Amino acid sequence: MFVKHFITKYIRSNEIKIFRLLPKLLVMTTIDKEAFLDKFEVDLGTFYFYKNYIVSEIKEGTVLTIDKLNDVIPVVSKYYKEKELFSYISNRIYSHSIVPMDYKECPFNNFENFIDYGAVCYNDITKKSVEIEKHFSTKPLKDFSNLDDAIKWTHKEVSTRNK
């Protein structure tokens, strides 16, 4: 009975709620069916493309470098080559590393319509890493405790800049 009500509620609101149980972590993701463009999987991880933002889930243990983004950039160009503003949200459900100095050379910075980064942190270690990354980022970088808040922030940022 509860499950039927749950599914009906979210189908009507054009949203899908996905719950994933990871070790010591329950992650809920909201997918806006109307804004969803594509899902792209590469060795680096999974990338979800929406009208105004990308959500990435980098694989466990990966060291993220500029070179590893080469497979993703053509897809970014496909969806965001026009002037539609967009953000990049890193949904850090798995532990991975980033070379902070690579932020200055990040290919996303070559897109005039790229406005900011969001990082969803599920533990204190990830949150501290993001605090360090903020010193190297050439675009605003904000951390969040859940993906829904990151998406809401992205919508607000895009809306504010489009005025």
C-alpha atoms as a PDB file:
ATOM      1  CA  MET A   1       0.000   0.000   0.000  1.00  0.00           C
ATOM      2  CA  PHE A   2       2.719   2.509   0.952  1.00  0.00           C
ATOM      3  CA  VAL A   3       4.813   1.737  -2.136  1.00  0.00           C
ATOM      4  CA  LYS A   4       1.858   2.238  -4.481  1.00  0.00           C
ATOM      5  CA  HIS A   5       1.128   5.665  -2.939  1.00  0.00           C
ATOM      6  CA  PHE A   6       4.810   6.598  -3.139  1.00  0.00           C
ATOM      7  CA  ILE A   7       5.096   5.750  -6.850  1.00  0.00           C
ATOM      8  CA  THR A   8       1.818   7.489  -7.725  1.00  0.00           C
ATOM      9  CA  LYS A   9       2.834  10.643  -5.864  1.00  0.00           C
ATOM     10  CA  TYR A  10       6.093  11.050  -7.742  1.00  0.00           C
ATOM     11  CA  ILE A  11       4.826  10.113 -11.174  1.00  0.00           C
ATOM     12  CA  ARG A  12       2.303  12.950 -10.937  1.00  0.00           C
ATOM     13  CA  SER A  13       4.944  15.493  -9.943  1.00  0.00           C
ATOM     14  CA  ASN A  14       7.232  14.645 -12.907  1.00  0.00           C
ATOM     15  CA  GLU A  15       9.923  13.457 -10.527  1.00  0.00           C
ATOM     16  CA  ILE A  16      11.429  10.084  -9.875  1.00  0.00           C
ATOM     17  CA  LYS A  17      12.992   9.376  -6.489  1.00  0.00           C
ATOM     18  CA  ILE A  18      15.778   6.815  -6.522  1.00  0.00           C
ATOM     19  CA  PHE A  19      16.998   5.308  -3.262  1.00  0.00           C
ATOM     20  CA  ARG A  20      20.348   3.519  -3.173  1.00  0.00           C
ATOM     21  CA  LEU A  21      21.762   1.774  -0.161  1.00  0.00           C
ATOM     22  CA  LEU A  22      25.535   2.047  -0.175  1.00  0.00           C
ATOM     23  CA  PRO A  23      27.786   0.882   2.665  1.00  0.00           C
ATOM     24  CA  LYS A  24      26.740   2.989   5.668  1.00  0.00           C
ATOM     25  CA  LEU A  25      24.830   5.397   3.440  1.00  0.00           C
ATOM     26  CA  LEU A  26      21.326   5.769   2.047  1.00  0.00           C
ATOM     27  CA  VAL A  27      21.355   8.100  -0.957  1.00  0.00           C
ATOM     28  CA  MET A  28      18.184   9.605  -2.384  1.00  0.00           C
ATOM     29  CA  THR A  29      18.319  11.187  -5.818  1.00  0.00           C
ATOM     30  CA  THR A  30      15.554  13.181  -7.449  1.00  0.00           C
ATOM     31  CA  ILE A  31      15.389  13.035 -11.219  1.00  0.00           C
ATOM     32  CA  ASP A  32      13.425  15.756 -12.955  1.00  0.00           C
ATOM     33  CA  LYS A  33      12.068  13.826 -15.935  1.00  0.00           C
ATOM     34  CA  GLU A  34      11.411  16.978 -17.958  1.00  0.00           C
ATOM     35  CA  ALA A  35      14.958  18.358 -17.553  1.00  0.00           C
ATOM     36  CA  PHE A  36      16.790  15.036 -18.007  1.00  0.00           C
ATOM     37  CA  LEU A  37      18.825  14.836 -21.238  1.00  0.00           C
ATOM     38  CA  ASP A  38      21.124  11.826 -21.086  1.00  0.00           C
ATOM     39  CA  LYS A  39      23.140   9.384 -18.988  1.00  0.00           C
ATOM     40  CA  PHE A  40      26.753   8.783 -20.011  1.00  0.00           C
ATOM     41  CA  GLU A  41      28.956   6.035 -18.547  1.00  0.00           C
ATOM     42  CA  VAL A  42      32.726   5.926 -19.000  1.00  0.00           C
ATOM     43  CA  ASP A  43      35.634   4.357 -17.104  1.00  0.00           C
ATOM     44  CA  LEU A  44      35.757   7.479 -14.956  1.00  0.00           C
ATOM     45  CA  GLY A  45      32.180   7.176 -13.712  1.00  0.00           C
ATOM     46  CA  THR A  46      28.594   8.031 -14.570  1.00  0.00           C
ATOM     47  CA  PHE A  47      27.452  11.454 -15.773  1.00  0.00           C
ATOM     48  CA  TYR A  48      23.821  12.571 -15.810  1.00  0.00           C
ATOM     49  CA  PHE A  49      23.052  15.488 -18.111  1.00  0.00           C
ATOM     50  CA  TYR A  50      20.137  17.818 -17.360  1.00  0.00           C
ATOM     51  CA  LYS A  51      18.981  21.069 -18.910  1.00  0.00           C
ATOM     52  CA  ASN A  52      21.135  23.291 -16.669  1.00  0.00           C
ATOM     53  CA  TYR A  53      23.459  20.944 -14.844  1.00  0.00           C
ATOM     54  CA  ILE A  54      25.571  17.813 -14.922  1.00  0.00           C
ATOM     55  CA  VAL A  55      25.663  15.360 -12.028  1.00  0.00           C
ATOM     56  CA  SER A  56      28.741  13.155 -11.868  1.00  0.00           C
ATOM     57  CA  GLU A  57      29.346  10.055  -9.795  1.00  0.00           C
ATOM     58  CA  ILE A  58      33.048   9.268 -10.071  1.00  0.00           C
ATOM     59  CA  LYS A  59      34.041   5.639  -9.435  1.00  0.00           C
ATOM     60  CA  GLU A  60      35.546   4.493  -6.155  1.00  0.00           C
ATOM     61  CA  GLY A  61      39.301   5.065  -5.814  1.00  0.00           C
ATOM     62  CA  THR A  62      39.660   7.157  -8.976  1.00  0.00           C
ATOM     63  CA  VAL A  63      42.164   9.999  -9.132  1.00  0.00           C
ATOM     64  CA  LEU A  64      40.361  12.609 -11.206  1.00  0.00           C
ATOM     65  CA  THR A  65      42.673  14.489 -13.584  1.00  0.00           C
ATOM     66  CA  ILE A  66      42.102  16.699 -16.611  1.00  0.00           C
ATOM     67  CA  ASP A  67      43.105  13.882 -18.967  1.00  0.00           C
ATOM     68  CA  LYS A  68      40.375  11.631 -17.590  1.00  0.00           C
ATOM     69  CA  LEU A  69      37.732  14.202 -18.533  1.00  0.00           C
ATOM     70  CA  ASN A  70      38.581  13.892 -22.246  1.00  0.00           C
ATOM     71  CA  ASP A  71      35.840  11.290 -22.838  1.00  0.00           C
ATOM     72  CA  VAL A  72      33.227  13.520 -21.212  1.00  0.00           C
ATOM     73  CA  ILE A  73      33.962  16.881 -22.878  1.00  0.00           C
ATOM     74  CA  PRO A  74      32.435  15.978 -26.286  1.00  0.00           C
ATOM     75  CA  VAL A  75      29.163  15.104 -24.540  1.00  0.00           C
ATOM     76  CA  VAL A  76      29.312  18.357 -22.562  1.00  0.00           C
ATOM     77  CA  SER A  77      29.781  20.196 -25.870  1.00  0.00           C
ATOM     78  CA  LYS A  78      26.817  18.381 -27.362  1.00  0.00           C
ATOM     79  CA  TYR A  79      24.395  19.544 -24.659  1.00  0.00           C
ATOM     80  CA  TYR A  80      25.854  22.884 -23.584  1.00  0.00           C
ATOM     81  CA  LYS A  81      27.486  24.348 -26.697  1.00  0.00           C
ATOM     82  CA  GLU A  82      24.761  26.968 -26.897  1.00  0.00           C
ATOM     83  CA  LYS A  83      24.471  29.774 -24.367  1.00  0.00           C
ATOM     84  CA  GLU A  84      22.330  27.741 -21.936  1.00  0.00           C
ATOM     85  CA  LEU A  85      23.948  28.258 -18.503  1.00  0.00           C
ATOM     86  CA  PHE A  86      25.025  25.119 -16.662  1.00  0.00           C
ATOM     87  CA  SER A  87      26.675  23.892 -13.470  1.00  0.00           C
ATOM     88  CA  TYR A  88      28.660  20.790 -12.592  1.00  0.00           C
ATOM     89  CA  ILE A  89      27.589  18.867  -9.477  1.00  0.00           C
ATOM     90  CA  SER A  90      29.902  16.190  -8.130  1.00  0.00           C
ATOM     91  CA  ASN A  91      27.765  13.683  -6.219  1.00  0.00           C
ATOM     92  CA  ARG A  92      30.559  12.171  -4.128  1.00  0.00           C
ATOM     93  CA  ILE A  93      28.940   8.918  -3.096  1.00  0.00           C
ATOM     94  CA  TYR A  94      32.231   7.086  -3.665  1.00  0.00           C
ATOM     95  CA  SER A  95      35.654   7.995  -2.352  1.00  0.00           C
ATOM     96  CA  HIS A  96      37.905   9.480  -5.023  1.00  0.00           C
ATOM     97  CA  SER A  97      40.654  12.069  -5.315  1.00  0.00           C
ATOM     98  CA  ILE A  98      41.006  15.232  -7.341  1.00  0.00           C
ATOM     99  CA  VAL A  99      44.225  16.974  -8.252  1.00  0.00           C
ATOM    100  CA  PRO A 100      43.234  20.438  -6.931  1.00  0.00           C
ATOM    101  CA  MET A 101      45.586  22.358  -9.205  1.00  0.00           C
ATOM    102  CA  ASP A 102      43.746  20.893 -12.209  1.00  0.00           C
ATOM    103  CA  TYR A 103      40.793  23.177 -11.416  1.00  0.00           C
ATOM    104  CA  LYS A 104      42.658  26.037 -13.116  1.00  0.00           C
ATOM    105  CA  GLU A 105      42.937  24.014 -16.357  1.00  0.00           C
ATOM    106  CA  CYS A 106      39.559  22.278 -16.169  1.00  0.00           C
ATOM    107  CA  PRO A 107      37.987  21.999 -19.644  1.00  0.00           C
ATOM    108  CA  PHE A 108      34.631  23.156 -18.236  1.00  0.00           C
ATOM    109  CA  ASN A 109      36.196  26.604 -17.830  1.00  0.00           C
ATOM    110  CA  ASN A 110      36.420  26.833 -21.641  1.00  0.00           C
ATOM    111  CA  PHE A 111      32.628  27.028 -21.838  1.00  0.00           C
ATOM    112  CA  GLU A 112      31.466  30.639 -21.455  1.00  0.00           C
ATOM    113  CA  ASN A 113      28.137  29.380 -20.131  1.00  0.00           C
ATOM    114  CA  PHE A 114      29.666  27.243 -17.337  1.00  0.00           C
ATOM    115  CA  ILE A 115      28.916  29.054 -14.078  1.00  0.00           C
ATOM    116  CA  ASP A 116      29.897  26.985 -11.015  1.00  0.00           C
ATOM    117  CA  TYR A 117      30.636  23.724  -9.228  1.00  0.00           C
ATOM    118  CA  GLY A 118      28.678  21.959  -6.533  1.00  0.00           C
ATOM    119  CA  ALA A 119      29.980  19.070  -4.438  1.00  0.00           C
ATOM    120  CA  VAL A 120      27.723  16.784  -2.440  1.00  0.00           C
ATOM    121  CA  CYS A 121      29.663  15.524   0.575  1.00  0.00           C
ATOM    122  CA  TYR A 122      28.474  12.579   2.640  1.00  0.00           C
ATOM    123  CA  ASN A 123      31.270  12.580   5.223  1.00  0.00           C
ATOM    124  CA  ASP A 124      33.718  14.936   6.947  1.00  0.00           C
ATOM    125  CA  ILE A 125      36.752  13.788   4.946  1.00  0.00           C
ATOM    126  CA  THR A 126      35.080  14.670   1.649  1.00  0.00           C
ATOM    127  CA  LYS A 127      33.915  17.999   3.065  1.00  0.00           C
ATOM    128  CA  LYS A 128      37.483  18.863   4.098  1.00  0.00           C
ATOM    129  CA  SER A 129      38.763  17.930   0.631  1.00  0.00           C
ATOM    130  CA  VAL A 130      36.242  20.290  -0.935  1.00  0.00           C
ATOM    131  CA  GLU A 131      37.372  23.081   1.390  1.00  0.00           C
ATOM    132  CA  ILE A 132      40.904  22.650  -0.004  1.00  0.00           C
ATOM    133  CA  GLU A 133      39.621  22.462  -3.594  1.00  0.00           C
ATOM    134  CA  LYS A 134      37.837  25.815  -3.147  1.00  0.00           C
ATOM    135  CA  HIS A 135      41.232  27.536  -2.973  1.00  0.00           C
ATOM    136  CA  PHE A 136      42.111  26.273  -6.466  1.00  0.00           C
ATOM    137  CA  SER A 137      38.784  26.592  -8.260  1.00  0.00           C
ATOM    138  CA  THR A 138      38.413  29.452 -10.734  1.00  0.00           C
ATOM    139  CA  LYS A 139      34.595  29.253 -10.459  1.00  0.00           C
ATOM    140  CA  PRO A 140      32.441  29.273  -7.330  1.00  0.00           C
ATOM    141  CA  LEU A 141      32.464  25.895  -5.557  1.00  0.00           C
ATOM    142  CA  LYS A 142      29.827  25.172  -2.939  1.00  0.00           C
ATOM    143  CA  ASP A 143      29.433  22.056  -0.829  1.00  0.00           C
ATOM    144  CA  PHE A 144      26.157  20.391   0.129  1.00  0.00           C
ATOM    145  CA  SER A 145      25.038  17.511   2.320  1.00  0.00           C
ATOM    146  CA  ASN A 146      22.540  16.159  -0.227  1.00  0.00           C
ATOM    147  CA  LEU A 147      21.945  16.205  -3.960  1.00  0.00           C
ATOM    148  CA  ASP A 148      18.505  17.830  -3.804  1.00  0.00           C
ATOM    149  CA  ASP A 149      19.953  20.943  -2.116  1.00  0.00           C
ATOM    150  CA  ALA A 150      22.709  21.124  -4.745  1.00  0.00           C
ATOM    151  CA  ILE A 151      20.145  20.963  -7.550  1.00  0.00           C
ATOM    152  CA  LYS A 152      17.958  23.647  -5.926  1.00  0.00           C
ATOM    153  CA  TRP A 153      21.016  25.890  -5.554  1.00  0.00           C
ATOM    154  CA  THR A 154      21.906  25.330  -9.218  1.00  0.00           C
ATOM    155  CA  HIS A 155      18.401  26.307 -10.338  1.00  0.00           C
ATOM    156  CA  LYS A 156      18.606  29.449  -8.206  1.00  0.00           C
ATOM    157  CA  GLU A 157      22.040  30.392  -9.600  1.00  0.00           C
ATOM    158  CA  VAL A 158      20.926  29.896 -13.197  1.00  0.00           C
ATOM    159  CA  SER A 159      17.716  31.830 -12.610  1.00  0.00           C
ATOM    160  CA  THR A 160      19.590  34.739 -10.978  1.00  0.00           C
ATOM    161  CA  ARG A 161      22.111  34.981 -13.816  1.00  0.00           C
ATOM    162  CA  ASN A 162      19.446  34.779 -16.513  1.00  0.00           C
ATOM    163  CA  LYS A 163      17.732  37.939 -15.264  1.00  0.00           C
END
